[in-house]
Amino acid sequence: MPRIAMKLETLTDHIFMMVIVVLSVIVLVLDLLTPLGLVIWTLYIIPLGLASWCSMGSLLPITAGVSSGLVILGYFYSPPGLSYEYVAINRTLGIVMLWAVTFFLWATRDQGAA
C-alpha cells in the first residue's frame, strides 16, 4: 500500500508543477500584453501558493526565483506605460514582495510539519 501512496504523491506533484508552469506562463503573457505600470505581476502569488502545497521541498523557492525572473522579463518586453523609473521601483518592490510571501509560506509550511 505505501508504494501506491508514493505513486499518487508523485503524480500529484507532477500535476502541481504543470499547473504552476501554465499559470506562470499565463501571467507572463498578461504582463507582456499590458503596458508598464499595471501591476499584473502580483498574480505570481497564485503559483507560489500552489507550490507551498506541493510535497517537493524545493519547488517553492524555485517558483519564487522563476517568478522573479519573469517579472524582470516583463519589465523589458512590456509595452511602454509609465516612466521607467517608477516601473523599475515598482517591480523591485514586487520581487521583494514575492520573496517575502515565499518566506512566510515556507515558515507556515515548516510550522505545519512540526
PDB file of N, CA and C in Angstrom:
ATOM      1  N   MET A   1       0.801  -1.209   0.000  1.00  0.00           N
ATOM      2  CA  MET A   1       0.000   0.000   0.000  1.00  0.00           C
ATOM      3  C   MET A   1       0.847   1.278   0.000  1.00  0.00           C
ATOM      4  N   PRO A   2       1.984   1.345   0.715  1.00  0.00           N
ATOM      5  CA  PRO A   2       2.775   2.575   0.703  1.00  0.00           C
ATOM      6  C   PRO A   2       3.301   2.921  -0.693  1.00  0.00           C
ATOM      7  N   ARG A   3       3.546   1.894  -1.522  1.00  0.00           N
ATOM      8  CA  ARG A   3       4.040   2.153  -2.871  1.00  0.00           C
ATOM      9  C   ARG A   3       2.993   2.904  -3.693  1.00  0.00           C
ATOM     10  N   ILE A   4       1.745   2.550  -3.524  1.00  0.00           N
ATOM     11  CA  ILE A   4       0.664   3.232  -4.232  1.00  0.00           C
ATOM     12  C   ILE A   4       0.566   4.680  -3.753  1.00  0.00           C
ATOM     13  N   ALA A   5       0.730   4.888  -2.455  1.00  0.00           N
ATOM     14  CA  ALA A   5       0.674   6.252  -1.913  1.00  0.00           C
ATOM     15  C   ALA A   5       1.815   7.092  -2.470  1.00  0.00           C
ATOM     16  N   MET A   6       3.005   6.512  -2.605  1.00  0.00           N
ATOM     17  CA  MET A   6       4.136   7.239  -3.169  1.00  0.00           C
ATOM     18  C   MET A   6       3.881   7.601  -4.624  1.00  0.00           C
ATOM     19  N   LYS A   7       3.302   6.664  -5.390  1.00  0.00           N
ATOM     20  CA  LYS A   7       2.997   6.956  -6.788  1.00  0.00           C
ATOM     21  C   LYS A   7       1.953   8.053  -6.900  1.00  0.00           C
ATOM     22  N   LEU A   8       0.957   8.034  -6.029  1.00  0.00           N
ATOM     23  CA  LEU A   8      -0.073   9.067  -6.035  1.00  0.00           C
ATOM     24  C   LEU A   8       0.514  10.425  -5.671  1.00  0.00           C
ATOM     25  N   GLU A   9       1.415  10.435  -4.684  1.00  0.00           N
ATOM     26  CA  GLU A   9       2.062  11.688  -4.296  1.00  0.00           C
ATOM     27  C   GLU A   9       2.924  12.227  -5.435  1.00  0.00           C
ATOM     28  N   THR A  10       3.633  11.351  -6.129  1.00  0.00           N
ATOM     29  CA  THR A  10       4.451  11.773  -7.263  1.00  0.00           C
ATOM     30  C   THR A  10       3.578  12.318  -8.380  1.00  0.00           C
ATOM     31  N   LEU A  11       2.467  11.668  -8.654  1.00  0.00           N
ATOM     32  CA  LEU A  11       1.538  12.142  -9.678  1.00  0.00           C
ATOM     33  C   LEU A  11       0.972  13.504  -9.295  1.00  0.00           C
ATOM     34  N   THR A  12       0.622  13.669  -8.040  1.00  0.00           N
ATOM     35  CA  THR A  12       0.101  14.946  -7.567  1.00  0.00           C
ATOM     36  C   THR A  12       1.154  16.045  -7.705  1.00  0.00           C
ATOM     37  N   ASP A  13       2.410  15.735  -7.377  1.00  0.00           N
ATOM     38  CA  ASP A  13       3.491  16.712  -7.525  1.00  0.00           C
ATOM     39  C   ASP A  13       3.658  17.124  -8.980  1.00  0.00           C
ATOM     40  N   HIS A  14       3.571  16.173  -9.886  1.00  0.00           N
ATOM     41  CA  HIS A  14       3.703  16.492 -11.310  1.00  0.00           C
ATOM     42  C   HIS A  14       2.538  17.367 -11.788  1.00  0.00           C
ATOM     43  N   ILE A  15       1.354  17.087 -11.304  1.00  0.00           N
ATOM     44  CA  ILE A  15       0.186  17.898 -11.673  1.00  0.00           C
ATOM     45  C   ILE A  15       0.357  19.316 -11.130  1.00  0.00           C
ATOM     46  N   PHE A  16       0.812  19.444  -9.867  1.00  0.00           N
ATOM     47  CA  PHE A  16       1.070  20.766  -9.299  1.00  0.00           C
ATOM     48  C   PHE A  16       2.085  21.520 -10.146  1.00  0.00           C
ATOM     49  N   MET A  17       3.161  20.852 -10.544  1.00  0.00           N
ATOM     50  CA  MET A  17       4.188  21.521 -11.347  1.00  0.00           C
ATOM     51  C   MET A  17       3.628  21.984 -12.689  1.00  0.00           C
ATOM     52  N   MET A  18       2.824  21.151 -13.341  1.00  0.00           N
ATOM     53  CA  MET A  18       2.236  21.545 -14.621  1.00  0.00           C
ATOM     54  C   MET A  18       1.308  22.744 -14.452  1.00  0.00           C
ATOM     55  N   VAL A  19       0.484  22.731 -13.420  1.00  0.00           N
ATOM     56  CA  VAL A  19      -0.435  23.849 -13.175  1.00  0.00           C
ATOM     57  C   VAL A  19       0.355  25.123 -12.863  1.00  0.00           C
ATOM     58  N   ILE A  20       1.425  25.002 -12.084  1.00  0.00           N
ATOM     59  CA  ILE A  20       2.263  26.159 -11.753  1.00  0.00           C
ATOM     60  C   ILE A  20       2.894  26.733 -13.015  1.00  0.00           C
ATOM     61  N   VAL A  21       3.407  25.875 -13.884  1.00  0.00           N
ATOM     62  CA  VAL A  21       4.025  26.343 -15.133  1.00  0.00           C
ATOM     63  C   VAL A  21       2.987  27.034 -16.013  1.00  0.00           C
ATOM     64  N   VAL A  22       1.820  26.428 -16.161  1.00  0.00           N
ATOM     65  CA  VAL A  22       0.772  27.019 -17.010  1.00  0.00           C
ATOM     66  C   VAL A  22       0.331  28.368 -16.450  1.00  0.00           C
ATOM     67  N   LEU A  23       0.108  28.449 -15.141  1.00  0.00           N
ATOM     68  CA  LEU A  23      -0.303  29.728 -14.539  1.00  0.00           C
ATOM     69  C   LEU A  23       0.783  30.790 -14.690  1.00  0.00           C
ATOM     70  N   SER A  24       2.042  30.396 -14.525  1.00  0.00           N
ATOM     71  CA  SER A  24       3.138  31.353 -14.674  1.00  0.00           C
ATOM     72  C   SER A  24       3.221  31.881 -16.100  1.00  0.00           C
ATOM     73  N   VAL A  25       3.022  31.011 -17.072  1.00  0.00           N
ATOM     74  CA  VAL A  25       3.044  31.441 -18.477  1.00  0.00           C
ATOM     75  C   VAL A  25       1.867  32.375 -18.764  1.00  0.00           C
ATOM     76  N   ILE A  26       0.708  32.075 -18.214  1.00  0.00           N
ATOM     77  CA  ILE A  26      -0.465  32.939 -18.415  1.00  0.00           C
ATOM     78  C   ILE A  26      -0.203  34.324 -17.833  1.00  0.00           C
ATOM     79  N   VAL A  27       0.370  34.377 -16.627  1.00  0.00           N
ATOM     80  CA  VAL A  27       0.671  35.676 -16.018  1.00  0.00           C
ATOM     81  C   VAL A  27       1.713  36.417 -16.847  1.00  0.00           C
ATOM     82  N   LEU A  28       2.726  35.707 -17.349  1.00  0.00           N
ATOM     83  CA  LEU A  28       3.736  36.349 -18.193  1.00  0.00           C
ATOM     84  C   LEU A  28       3.105  36.932 -19.457  1.00  0.00           C
ATOM     85  N   VAL A  29       2.231  36.181 -20.103  1.00  0.00           N
ATOM     86  CA  VAL A  29       1.571  36.671 -21.323  1.00  0.00           C
ATOM     87  C   VAL A  29       0.733  37.908 -21.004  1.00  0.00           C
ATOM     88  N   LEU A  30       0.000  37.870 -19.899  1.00  0.00           N
ATOM     89  CA  LEU A  30      -0.783  39.041 -19.492  1.00  0.00           C
ATOM     90  C   LEU A  30       0.129  40.232 -19.228  1.00  0.00           C
ATOM     91  N   ASP A  31       1.265  39.973 -18.599  1.00  0.00           N
ATOM     92  CA  ASP A  31       2.214  41.047 -18.308  1.00  0.00           C
ATOM     93  C   ASP A  31       2.793  41.634 -19.591  1.00  0.00           C
ATOM     94  N   LEU A  32       3.054  40.782 -20.574  1.00  0.00           N
ATOM     95  CA  LEU A  32       3.617  41.263 -21.834  1.00  0.00           C
ATOM     96  C   LEU A  32       2.595  41.998 -22.696  1.00  0.00           C
ATOM     97  N   LEU A  33       1.321  41.720 -22.479  1.00  0.00           N
ATOM     98  CA  LEU A  33       0.272  42.372 -23.263  1.00  0.00           C
ATOM     99  C   LEU A  33      -0.177  43.705 -22.669  1.00  0.00           C
ATOM    100  N   THR A  34       0.069  43.910 -21.385  1.00  0.00           N
ATOM    101  CA  THR A  34      -0.368  45.149 -20.739  1.00  0.00           C
ATOM    102  C   THR A  34       0.795  46.134 -20.655  1.00  0.00           C
ATOM    103  N   PRO A  35       0.490  47.429 -20.680  1.00  0.00           N
ATOM    104  CA  PRO A  35       1.564  48.420 -20.614  1.00  0.00           C
ATOM    105  C   PRO A  35       2.244  48.429 -19.245  1.00  0.00           C
ATOM    106  N   LEU A  36       3.476  48.908 -19.242  1.00  0.00           N
ATOM    107  CA  LEU A  36       4.218  49.048 -17.990  1.00  0.00           C
ATOM    108  C   LEU A  36       3.451  49.952 -17.041  1.00  0.00           C
ATOM    109  N   GLY A  37       3.440  49.606 -15.801  1.00  0.00           N
ATOM    110  CA  GLY A  37       2.735  50.394 -14.795  1.00  0.00           C
ATOM    111  C   GLY A  37       1.544  49.656 -14.222  1.00  0.00           C
ATOM    112  N   LEU A  38       0.964  48.736 -14.979  1.00  0.00           N
ATOM    113  CA  LEU A  38      -0.111  47.908 -14.436  1.00  0.00           C
ATOM    114  C   LEU A  38       0.528  46.774 -13.636  1.00  0.00           C
ATOM    115  N   VAL A  39      -0.020  46.501 -12.495  1.00  0.00           N
ATOM    116  CA  VAL A  39       0.606  45.577 -11.557  1.00  0.00           C
ATOM    117  C   VAL A  39       0.061  44.163 -11.775  1.00  0.00           C
ATOM    118  N   ILE A  40       0.365  43.594 -12.926  1.00  0.00           N
ATOM    119  CA  ILE A  40      -0.071  42.237 -13.251  1.00  0.00           C
ATOM    120  C   ILE A  40       0.777  41.201 -12.520  1.00  0.00           C
ATOM    121  N   TRP A  41       2.031  41.564 -12.220  1.00  0.00           N
ATOM    122  CA  TRP A  41       2.947  40.597 -11.626  1.00  0.00           C
ATOM    123  C   TRP A  41       2.486  40.095 -10.260  1.00  0.00           C
ATOM    124  N   THR A  42       1.523  40.764  -9.617  1.00  0.00           N
ATOM    125  CA  THR A  42       1.030  40.271  -8.324  1.00  0.00           C
ATOM    126  C   THR A  42       0.358  38.908  -8.471  1.00  0.00           C
ATOM    127  N   LEU A  43      -0.055  38.573  -9.675  1.00  0.00           N
ATOM    128  CA  LEU A  43      -0.694  37.271  -9.893  1.00  0.00           C
ATOM    129  C   LEU A  43       0.286  36.108  -9.751  1.00  0.00           C
ATOM    130  N   TYR A  44       1.577  36.386  -9.700  1.00  0.00           N
ATOM    131  CA  TYR A  44       2.558  35.318  -9.462  1.00  0.00           C
ATOM    132  C   TYR A  44       2.424  34.730  -8.060  1.00  0.00           C
ATOM    133  N   ILE A  45       1.655  35.373  -7.204  1.00  0.00           N
ATOM    134  CA  ILE A  45       1.425  34.832  -5.859  1.00  0.00           C
ATOM    135  C   ILE A  45       0.615  33.541  -5.934  1.00  0.00           C
ATOM    136  N   ILE A  46      -0.235  33.401  -6.944  1.00  0.00           N
ATOM    137  CA  ILE A  46      -1.050  32.184  -7.089  1.00  0.00           C
ATOM    138  C   ILE A  46      -0.168  30.948  -7.296  1.00  0.00           C
ATOM    139  N   PRO A  47       0.790  30.957  -8.251  1.00  0.00           N
ATOM    140  CA  PRO A  47       1.680  29.800  -8.352  1.00  0.00           C
ATOM    141  C   PRO A  47       2.512  29.558  -7.087  1.00  0.00           C
ATOM    142  N   LEU A  48       2.873  30.633  -6.379  1.00  0.00           N
ATOM    143  CA  LEU A  48       3.610  30.452  -5.123  1.00  0.00           C
ATOM    144  C   LEU A  48       2.759  29.713  -4.093  1.00  0.00           C
ATOM    145  N   GLY A  49       1.502  30.077  -4.011  1.00  0.00           N
ATOM    146  CA  GLY A  49       0.610  29.383  -3.084  1.00  0.00           C
ATOM    147  C   GLY A  49       0.460  27.915  -3.429  1.00  0.00           C
ATOM    148  N   LEU A  50       0.334  27.622  -4.716  1.00  0.00           N
ATOM    149  CA  LEU A  50       0.236  26.222  -5.132  1.00  0.00           C
ATOM    150  C   LEU A  50       1.531  25.475  -4.835  1.00  0.00           C
ATOM    151  N   ALA A  51       2.662  26.127  -5.035  1.00  0.00           N
ATOM    152  CA  ALA A  51       3.951  25.482  -4.762  1.00  0.00           C
ATOM    153  C   ALA A  51       4.107  25.163  -3.283  1.00  0.00           C
ATOM    154  N   SER A  52       3.494  25.963  -2.433  1.00  0.00           N
ATOM    155  CA  SER A  52       3.602  25.693  -0.992  1.00  0.00           C
ATOM    156  C   SER A  52       2.821  24.445  -0.591  1.00  0.00           C
ATOM    157  N   TRP A  53       1.831  24.053  -1.364  1.00  0.00           N
ATOM    158  CA  TRP A  53       1.064  22.841  -1.069  1.00  0.00           C
ATOM    159  C   TRP A  53       1.749  21.584  -1.561  1.00  0.00           C
ATOM    160  N   CYS A  54       2.684  21.725  -2.468  1.00  0.00           N
ATOM    161  CA  CYS A  54       3.353  20.571  -3.056  1.00  0.00           C
ATOM    162  C   CYS A  54       4.314  19.959  -2.041  1.00  0.00           C
ATOM    163  N   SER A  55       4.482  18.643  -2.103  1.00  0.00           N
ATOM    164  CA  SER A  55       5.364  17.974  -1.150  1.00  0.00           C
ATOM    165  C   SER A  55       6.835  18.113  -1.514  1.00  0.00           C
ATOM    166  N   MET A  56       7.138  18.605  -2.704  1.00  0.00           N
ATOM    167  CA  MET A  56       8.532  18.822  -3.101  1.00  0.00           C
ATOM    168  C   MET A  56       9.053  20.061  -2.386  1.00  0.00           C
ATOM    169  N   GLY A  57      10.038  19.887  -1.535  1.00  0.00           N
ATOM    170  CA  GLY A  57      10.526  20.983  -0.706  1.00  0.00           C
ATOM    171  C   GLY A  57      11.136  22.132  -1.481  1.00  0.00           C
ATOM    172  N   SER A  58      11.780  21.845  -2.583  1.00  0.00           N
ATOM    173  CA  SER A  58      12.494  22.889  -3.313  1.00  0.00           C
ATOM    174  C   SER A  58      11.618  23.630  -4.322  1.00  0.00           C
ATOM    175  N   LEU A  59      10.385  23.214  -4.508  1.00  0.00           N
ATOM    176  CA  LEU A  59       9.546  23.832  -5.530  1.00  0.00           C
ATOM    177  C   LEU A  59       9.175  25.277  -5.186  1.00  0.00           C
ATOM    178  N   LEU A  60       9.007  25.580  -3.915  1.00  0.00           N
ATOM    179  CA  LEU A  60       8.619  26.935  -3.516  1.00  0.00           C
ATOM    180  C   LEU A  60       9.705  27.969  -3.849  1.00  0.00           C
ATOM    181  N   PRO A  61      10.965  27.772  -3.449  1.00  0.00           N
ATOM    182  CA  PRO A  61      11.972  28.772  -3.837  1.00  0.00           C
ATOM    183  C   PRO A  61      12.264  28.784  -5.334  1.00  0.00           C
ATOM    184  N   ILE A  62      12.129  27.649  -5.994  1.00  0.00           N
ATOM    185  CA  ILE A  62      12.318  27.616  -7.450  1.00  0.00           C
ATOM    186  C   ILE A  62      11.232  28.449  -8.128  1.00  0.00           C
ATOM    187  N   THR A  63       9.995  28.296  -7.684  1.00  0.00           N
ATOM    188  CA  THR A  63       8.890  29.067  -8.242  1.00  0.00           C
ATOM    189  C   THR A  63       9.086  30.560  -7.981  1.00  0.00           C
ATOM    190  N   ALA A  64       9.573  30.912  -6.802  1.00  0.00           N
ATOM    191  CA  ALA A  64       9.835  32.318  -6.488  1.00  0.00           C
ATOM    192  C   ALA A  64      10.938  32.874  -7.390  1.00  0.00           C
ATOM    193  N   GLY A  65      11.976  32.087  -7.614  1.00  0.00           N
ATOM    194  CA  GLY A  65      13.062  32.532  -8.487  1.00  0.00           C
ATOM    195  C   GLY A  65      12.614  32.716  -9.925  1.00  0.00           C
ATOM    196  N   VAL A  66      11.855  31.755 -10.421  1.00  0.00           N
ATOM    197  CA  VAL A  66      11.349  31.857 -11.794  1.00  0.00           C
ATOM    198  C   VAL A  66      10.390  33.043 -11.912  1.00  0.00           C
ATOM    199  N   SER A  67       9.528  33.220 -10.929  1.00  0.00           N
ATOM    200  CA  SER A  67       8.598  34.353 -10.950  1.00  0.00           C
ATOM    201  C   SER A  67       9.351  35.678 -10.940  1.00  0.00           C
ATOM    202  N   SER A  68      10.414  35.760 -10.157  1.00  0.00           N
ATOM    203  CA  SER A  68      11.230  36.980 -10.126  1.00  0.00           C
ATOM    204  C   SER A  68      11.847  37.252 -11.496  1.00  0.00           C
ATOM    205  N   GLY A  69      12.343  36.195 -12.121  1.00  0.00           N
ATOM    206  CA  GLY A  69      12.898  36.349 -13.462  1.00  0.00           C
ATOM    207  C   GLY A  69      11.856  36.790 -14.477  1.00  0.00           C
ATOM    208  N   LEU A  70      10.649  36.274 -14.357  1.00  0.00           N
ATOM    209  CA  LEU A  70       9.582  36.655 -15.277  1.00  0.00           C
ATOM    210  C   LEU A  70       9.133  38.100 -15.048  1.00  0.00           C
ATOM    211  N   VAL A  71       9.178  38.559 -13.795  1.00  0.00           N
ATOM    212  CA  VAL A  71       8.862  39.967 -13.519  1.00  0.00           C
ATOM    213  C   VAL A  71       9.885  40.858 -14.217  1.00  0.00           C
ATOM    214  N   ILE A  72      11.151  40.486 -14.153  1.00  0.00           N
ATOM    215  CA  ILE A  72      12.211  41.254 -14.822  1.00  0.00           C
ATOM    216  C   ILE A  72      12.034  41.191 -16.336  1.00  0.00           C
ATOM    217  N   LEU A  73      11.719  40.013 -16.853  1.00  0.00           N
ATOM    218  CA  LEU A  73      11.487  39.854 -18.296  1.00  0.00           C
ATOM    219  C   LEU A  73      10.335  40.743 -18.754  1.00  0.00           C
ATOM    220  N   GLY A  74       9.264  40.800 -17.965  1.00  0.00           N
ATOM    221  CA  GLY A  74       8.133  41.662 -18.283  1.00  0.00           C
ATOM    222  C   GLY A  74       8.507  43.127 -18.307  1.00  0.00           C
ATOM    223  N   TYR A  75       9.465  43.513 -17.479  1.00  0.00           N
ATOM    224  CA  TYR A  75       9.927  44.904 -17.471  1.00  0.00           C
ATOM    225  C   TYR A  75      10.532  45.286 -18.820  1.00  0.00           C
ATOM    226  N   PHE A  76      11.298  44.383 -19.396  1.00  0.00           N
ATOM    227  CA  PHE A  76      11.992  44.694 -20.643  1.00  0.00           C
ATOM    228  C   PHE A  76      11.119  44.551 -21.887  1.00  0.00           C
ATOM    229  N   TYR A  77      10.105  43.687 -21.844  1.00  0.00           N
ATOM    230  CA  TYR A  77       9.345  43.384 -23.057  1.00  0.00           C
ATOM    231  C   TYR A  77       7.900  43.851 -23.047  1.00  0.00           C
ATOM    232  N   SER A  78       7.433  44.475 -21.972  1.00  0.00           N
ATOM    233  CA  SER A  78       6.062  45.002 -21.954  1.00  0.00           C
ATOM    234  C   SER A  78       6.003  46.311 -22.730  1.00  0.00           C
ATOM    235  N   PRO A  79       4.835  46.641 -23.285  1.00  0.00           N
ATOM    236  CA  PRO A  79       4.697  47.930 -23.980  1.00  0.00           C
ATOM    237  C   PRO A  79       4.895  49.092 -23.005  1.00  0.00           C
ATOM    238  N   PRO A  80       5.352  50.226 -23.511  1.00  0.00           N
ATOM    239  CA  PRO A  80       5.591  51.370 -22.619  1.00  0.00           C
ATOM    240  C   PRO A  80       4.314  51.846 -21.947  1.00  0.00           C
ATOM    241  N   GLY A  81       4.500  52.393 -20.769  1.00  0.00           N
ATOM    242  CA  GLY A  81       3.382  52.935 -19.999  1.00  0.00           C
ATOM    243  C   GLY A  81       3.896  54.094 -19.184  1.00  0.00           C
ATOM    244  N   LEU A  82       4.060  53.892 -17.901  1.00  0.00           N
ATOM    245  CA  LEU A  82       4.614  54.921 -17.024  1.00  0.00           C
ATOM    246  C   LEU A  82       6.106  55.078 -17.289  1.00  0.00           C
ATOM    247  N   SER A  83       6.716  56.051 -16.640  1.00  0.00           N
ATOM    248  CA  SER A  83       8.157  56.245 -16.813  1.00  0.00           C
ATOM    249  C   SER A  83       8.902  55.035 -16.236  1.00  0.00           C
ATOM    250  N   TYR A  84      10.034  54.764 -16.815  1.00  0.00           N
ATOM    251  CA  TYR A  84      10.777  53.559 -16.462  1.00  0.00           C
ATOM    252  C   TYR A  84      11.298  53.581 -15.026  1.00  0.00           C
ATOM    253  N   GLU A  85      11.532  54.755 -14.464  1.00  0.00           N
ATOM    254  CA  GLU A  85      11.999  54.832 -13.083  1.00  0.00           C
ATOM    255  C   GLU A  85      10.935  54.309 -12.120  1.00  0.00           C
ATOM    256  N   TYR A  86       9.687  54.750 -12.320  1.00  0.00           N
ATOM    257  CA  TYR A  86       8.597  54.284 -11.459  1.00  0.00           C
ATOM    258  C   TYR A  86       8.361  52.786 -11.629  1.00  0.00           C
ATOM    259  N   VAL A  87       8.442  52.334 -12.857  1.00  0.00           N
ATOM    260  CA  VAL A  87       8.211  50.911 -13.127  1.00  0.00           C
ATOM    261  C   VAL A  87       9.324  50.071 -12.518  1.00  0.00           C
ATOM    262  N   ALA A  88      10.560  50.549 -12.590  1.00  0.00           N
ATOM    263  CA  ALA A  88      11.678  49.804 -12.009  1.00  0.00           C
ATOM    264  C   ALA A  88      11.525  49.692 -10.494  1.00  0.00           C
ATOM    265  N   ILE A  89      11.126  50.780  -9.848  1.00  0.00           N
ATOM    266  CA  ILE A  89      10.908  50.736  -8.396  1.00  0.00           C
ATOM    267  C   ILE A  89       9.754  49.805  -8.072  1.00  0.00           C
ATOM    268  N   ASN A  90       8.680  49.899  -8.840  1.00  0.00           N
ATOM    269  CA  ASN A  90       7.501  49.059  -8.637  1.00  0.00           C
ATOM    270  C   ASN A  90       7.863  47.579  -8.758  1.00  0.00           C
ATOM    271  N   ARG A  91       8.586  47.225  -9.783  1.00  0.00           N
ATOM    272  CA  ARG A  91       8.935  45.819  -9.992  1.00  0.00           C
ATOM    273  C   ARG A  91       9.963  45.327  -8.981  1.00  0.00           C
ATOM    274  N   THR A  92      10.853  46.197  -8.549  1.00  0.00           N
ATOM    275  CA  THR A  92      11.801  45.818  -7.499  1.00  0.00           C
ATOM    276  C   THR A  92      11.059  45.518  -6.207  1.00  0.00           C
ATOM    277  N   LEU A  93      10.122  46.383  -5.852  1.00  0.00           N
ATOM    278  CA  LEU A  93       9.299  46.119  -4.673  1.00  0.00           C
ATOM    279  C   LEU A  93       8.463  44.853  -4.855  1.00  0.00           C
ATOM    280  N   GLY A  94       8.039  44.592  -6.085  1.00  0.00           N
ATOM    281  CA  GLY A  94       7.286  43.374  -6.366  1.00  0.00           C
ATOM    282  C   GLY A  94       8.115  42.125  -6.141  1.00  0.00           C
ATOM    283  N   ILE A  95       9.370  42.157  -6.566  1.00  0.00           N
ATOM    284  CA  ILE A  95      10.242  40.997  -6.353  1.00  0.00           C
ATOM    285  C   ILE A  95      10.490  40.789  -4.858  1.00  0.00           C
ATOM    286  N   VAL A  96      10.677  41.894  -4.136  1.00  0.00           N
ATOM    287  CA  VAL A  96      10.838  41.788  -2.680  1.00  0.00           C
ATOM    288  C   VAL A  96       9.580  41.181  -2.061  1.00  0.00           C
ATOM    289  N   MET A  97       8.407  41.608  -2.549  1.00  0.00           N
ATOM    290  CA  MET A  97       7.155  41.072  -2.031  1.00  0.00           C
ATOM    291  C   MET A  97       7.031  39.569  -2.330  1.00  0.00           C
ATOM    292  N   LEU A  98       7.406  39.162  -3.539  1.00  0.00           N
ATOM    293  CA  LEU A  98       7.337  37.739  -3.880  1.00  0.00           C
ATOM    294  C   LEU A  98       8.205  36.903  -2.940  1.00  0.00           C
ATOM    295  N   TRP A  99       9.402  37.394  -2.635  1.00  0.00           N
ATOM    296  CA  TRP A  99      10.283  36.648  -1.739  1.00  0.00           C
ATOM    297  C   TRP A  99       9.796  36.703  -0.296  1.00  0.00           C
ATOM    298  N   ALA A 100       9.144  37.806   0.105  1.00  0.00           N
ATOM    299  CA  ALA A 100       8.562  37.874   1.451  1.00  0.00           C
ATOM    300  C   ALA A 100       7.424  36.864   1.585  1.00  0.00           C
ATOM    301  N   VAL A 101       6.577  36.792   0.563  1.00  0.00           N
ATOM    302  CA  VAL A 101       5.499  35.801   0.564  1.00  0.00           C
ATOM    303  C   VAL A 101       6.084  34.392   0.605  1.00  0.00           C
ATOM    304  N   THR A 102       7.146  34.172  -0.158  1.00  0.00           N
ATOM    305  CA  THR A 102       7.810  32.862  -0.154  1.00  0.00           C
ATOM    306  C   THR A 102       8.316  32.524   1.243  1.00  0.00           C
ATOM    307  N   PHE A 103       8.929  33.494   1.899  1.00  0.00           N
ATOM    308  CA  PHE A 103       9.429  33.265   3.260  1.00  0.00           C
ATOM    309  C   PHE A 103       8.293  32.881   4.205  1.00  0.00           C
ATOM    310  N   PHE A 104       7.181  33.626   4.139  1.00  0.00           N
ATOM    311  CA  PHE A 104       6.065  33.328   5.036  1.00  0.00           C
ATOM    312  C   PHE A 104       5.400  31.996   4.706  1.00  0.00           C
ATOM    313  N   LEU A 105       5.290  31.682   3.423  1.00  0.00           N
ATOM    314  CA  LEU A 105       4.733  30.378   3.051  1.00  0.00           C
ATOM    315  C   LEU A 105       5.648  29.248   3.520  1.00  0.00           C
ATOM    316  N   TRP A 106       6.952  29.451   3.394  1.00  0.00           N
ATOM    317  CA  TRP A 106       7.924  28.441   3.826  1.00  0.00           C
ATOM    318  C   TRP A 106       7.833  28.252   5.354  1.00  0.00           C
ATOM    319  N   ALA A 107       7.735  29.363   6.086  1.00  0.00           N
ATOM    320  CA  ALA A 107       7.649  29.283   7.542  1.00  0.00           C
ATOM    321  C   ALA A 107       6.352  28.598   7.982  1.00  0.00           C
ATOM    322  N   THR A 108       5.259  28.921   7.320  1.00  0.00           N
ATOM    323  CA  THR A 108       3.984  28.292   7.634  1.00  0.00           C
ATOM    324  C   THR A 108       4.023  26.806   7.331  1.00  0.00           C
ATOM    325  N   ARG A 109       4.651  26.471   6.226  1.00  0.00           N
ATOM    326  CA  ARG A 109       4.761  25.071   5.812  1.00  0.00           C
ATOM    327  C   ARG A 109       5.587  24.273   6.821  1.00  0.00           C
ATOM    328  N   ASP A 110       6.724  24.849   7.261  1.00  0.00           N
ATOM    329  CA  ASP A 110       7.566  24.169   8.231  1.00  0.00           C
ATOM    330  C   ASP A 110       6.874  24.061   9.580  1.00  0.00           C
ATOM    331  N   GLN A 111       6.086  25.049   9.933  1.00  0.00           N
ATOM    332  CA  GLN A 111       5.364  25.024  11.193  1.00  0.00           C
ATOM    333  C   GLN A 111       4.298  23.944  11.194  1.00  0.00           C
ATOM    334  N   GLY A 112       3.661  23.753  10.031  1.00  0.00           N
ATOM    335  CA  GLY A 112       2.641  22.698   9.918  1.00  0.00           C
ATOM    336  C   GLY A 112       3.231  21.308   9.952  1.00  0.00           C
ATOM    337  N   ALA A 113       4.488  21.167   9.526  1.00  0.00           N
ATOM    338  CA  ALA A 113       5.135  19.845   9.506  1.00  0.00           C
ATOM    339  C   ALA A 113       5.588  19.425  10.898  1.00  0.00           C
ATOM    340  N   ALA A 114       5.786  20.398  11.784  1.00  0.00           N
ATOM    341  CA  ALA A 114       6.301  20.070  13.125  1.00  0.00           C
ATOM    342  C   ALA A 114       5.217  19.562  14.037  1.00  0.00           C
TER     343      ALA A 114
END
